């Protein structure tokens, strides 16, 4: 994990959460998680790493 973070941290980008909603957000059960998904989608994230069970089993459509 330490090696991964050492390599990956320089490429991380912090993005603001867009105010406009994404249709894909309806797939997330917890409304508090939806802005996180929205920010990742809008930023074109290559990787979305989470342990939140509400995101498990969801695929980008």
C-alpha atoms as a PDB file:
ATOM      1  CA  UNK A   1       0.000   0.000   0.000  1.00  0.00           C
ATOM      2  CA  UNK A   2       2.821   2.384   0.864  1.00  0.00           C
ATOM      3  CA  UNK A   3       4.498   1.791  -2.506  1.00  0.00           C
ATOM      4  CA  UNK A   4       1.196   2.361  -4.301  1.00  0.00           C
ATOM      5  CA  UNK A   5       0.581   5.655  -2.497  1.00  0.00           C
ATOM      6  CA  UNK A   6       4.148   6.827  -3.063  1.00  0.00           C
ATOM      7  CA  UNK A   7       3.715   6.236  -6.787  1.00  0.00           C
ATOM      8  CA  UNK A   8       0.102   7.406  -7.126  1.00  0.00           C
ATOM      9  CA  UNK A   9      -0.070  10.506  -4.916  1.00  0.00           C
ATOM     10  CA  UNK A  10       1.724  12.824  -7.359  1.00  0.00           C
ATOM     11  CA  UNK A  11      -0.961  12.129  -9.967  1.00  0.00           C
ATOM     12  CA  UNK A  12      -3.985  12.722  -7.705  1.00  0.00           C
ATOM     13  CA  UNK A  13      -6.153  15.705  -8.582  1.00  0.00           C
ATOM     14  CA  UNK A  14      -8.682  17.301  -6.241  1.00  0.00           C
ATOM     15  CA  UNK A  15     -11.867  18.375  -8.028  1.00  0.00           C
ATOM     16  CA  UNK A  16     -14.890  20.380  -6.943  1.00  0.00           C
ATOM     17  CA  UNK A  17     -18.266  18.680  -6.955  1.00  0.00           C
ATOM     18  CA  UNK A  18     -20.363  19.939  -9.876  1.00  0.00           C
ATOM     19  CA  UNK A  19     -23.825  21.199  -8.995  1.00  0.00           C
ATOM     20  CA  UNK A  20     -25.542  19.578 -11.992  1.00  0.00           C
ATOM     21  CA  UNK A  21     -26.745  16.038 -11.356  1.00  0.00           C
ATOM     22  CA  UNK A  22     -25.797  12.968 -13.406  1.00  0.00           C
ATOM     23  CA  UNK A  23     -28.420  10.397 -14.450  1.00  0.00           C
ATOM     24  CA  UNK A  24     -26.085   7.676 -13.162  1.00  0.00           C
ATOM     25  CA  UNK A  25     -26.467   8.974  -9.599  1.00  0.00           C
ATOM     26  CA  UNK A  26     -29.825   7.244  -9.239  1.00  0.00           C
ATOM     27  CA  UNK A  27     -27.898   3.957  -9.028  1.00  0.00           C
ATOM     28  CA  UNK A  28     -26.415   4.970  -5.685  1.00  0.00           C
ATOM     29  CA  UNK A  29     -28.664   4.157  -2.743  1.00  0.00           C
ATOM     30  CA  UNK A  30     -27.229   6.700  -0.287  1.00  0.00           C
ATOM     31  CA  UNK A  31     -27.904  10.278  -1.464  1.00  0.00           C
ATOM     32  CA  UNK A  32     -24.850  11.522   0.483  1.00  0.00           C
ATOM     33  CA  UNK A  33     -22.622   9.386  -1.764  1.00  0.00           C
ATOM     34  CA  UNK A  34     -24.016  10.788  -5.000  1.00  0.00           C
ATOM     35  CA  UNK A  35     -21.866  13.957  -5.116  1.00  0.00           C
ATOM     36  CA  UNK A  36     -18.754  11.773  -4.836  1.00  0.00           C
ATOM     37  CA  UNK A  37     -19.794   9.765  -7.879  1.00  0.00           C
ATOM     38  CA  UNK A  38     -20.724  12.971  -9.718  1.00  0.00           C
ATOM     39  CA  UNK A  39     -17.303  14.505  -9.121  1.00  0.00           C
ATOM     40  CA  UNK A  40     -15.513  11.332 -10.260  1.00  0.00           C
ATOM     41  CA  UNK A  41     -17.580  11.089 -13.444  1.00  0.00           C
ATOM     42  CA  UNK A  42     -17.165  14.746 -14.351  1.00  0.00           C
ATOM     43  CA  UNK A  43     -13.438  14.630 -13.713  1.00  0.00           C
ATOM     44  CA  UNK A  44     -13.087  11.606 -15.979  1.00  0.00           C
ATOM     45  CA  UNK A  45     -11.458   9.631 -13.188  1.00  0.00           C
ATOM     46  CA  UNK A  46      -9.348   6.702 -14.331  1.00  0.00           C
ATOM     47  CA  UNK A  47      -9.743   5.044 -10.955  1.00  0.00           C
ATOM     48  CA  UNK A  48     -12.424   5.222  -8.296  1.00  0.00           C
ATOM     49  CA  UNK A  49     -11.218   3.549  -5.111  1.00  0.00           C
ATOM     50  CA  UNK A  50     -13.681   3.126  -2.255  1.00  0.00           C
ATOM     51  CA  UNK A  51     -14.675   0.707   0.444  1.00  0.00           C
ATOM     52  CA  UNK A  52     -18.243   2.018   0.527  1.00  0.00           C
ATOM     53  CA  UNK A  53     -20.613  -0.900  -0.080  1.00  0.00           C
ATOM     54  CA  UNK A  54     -23.132   1.356  -1.840  1.00  0.00           C
ATOM     55  CA  UNK A  55     -20.708   1.585  -4.767  1.00  0.00           C
ATOM     56  CA  UNK A  56     -20.015  -2.133  -5.069  1.00  0.00           C
ATOM     57  CA  UNK A  57     -21.487  -3.786  -8.132  1.00  0.00           C
ATOM     58  CA  UNK A  58     -22.078  -0.513  -9.976  1.00  0.00           C
ATOM     59  CA  UNK A  59     -20.671  -0.134 -13.450  1.00  0.00           C
ATOM     60  CA  UNK A  60     -20.438   3.040 -15.431  1.00  0.00           C
ATOM     61  CA  UNK A  61     -23.135   3.138 -18.086  1.00  0.00           C
END
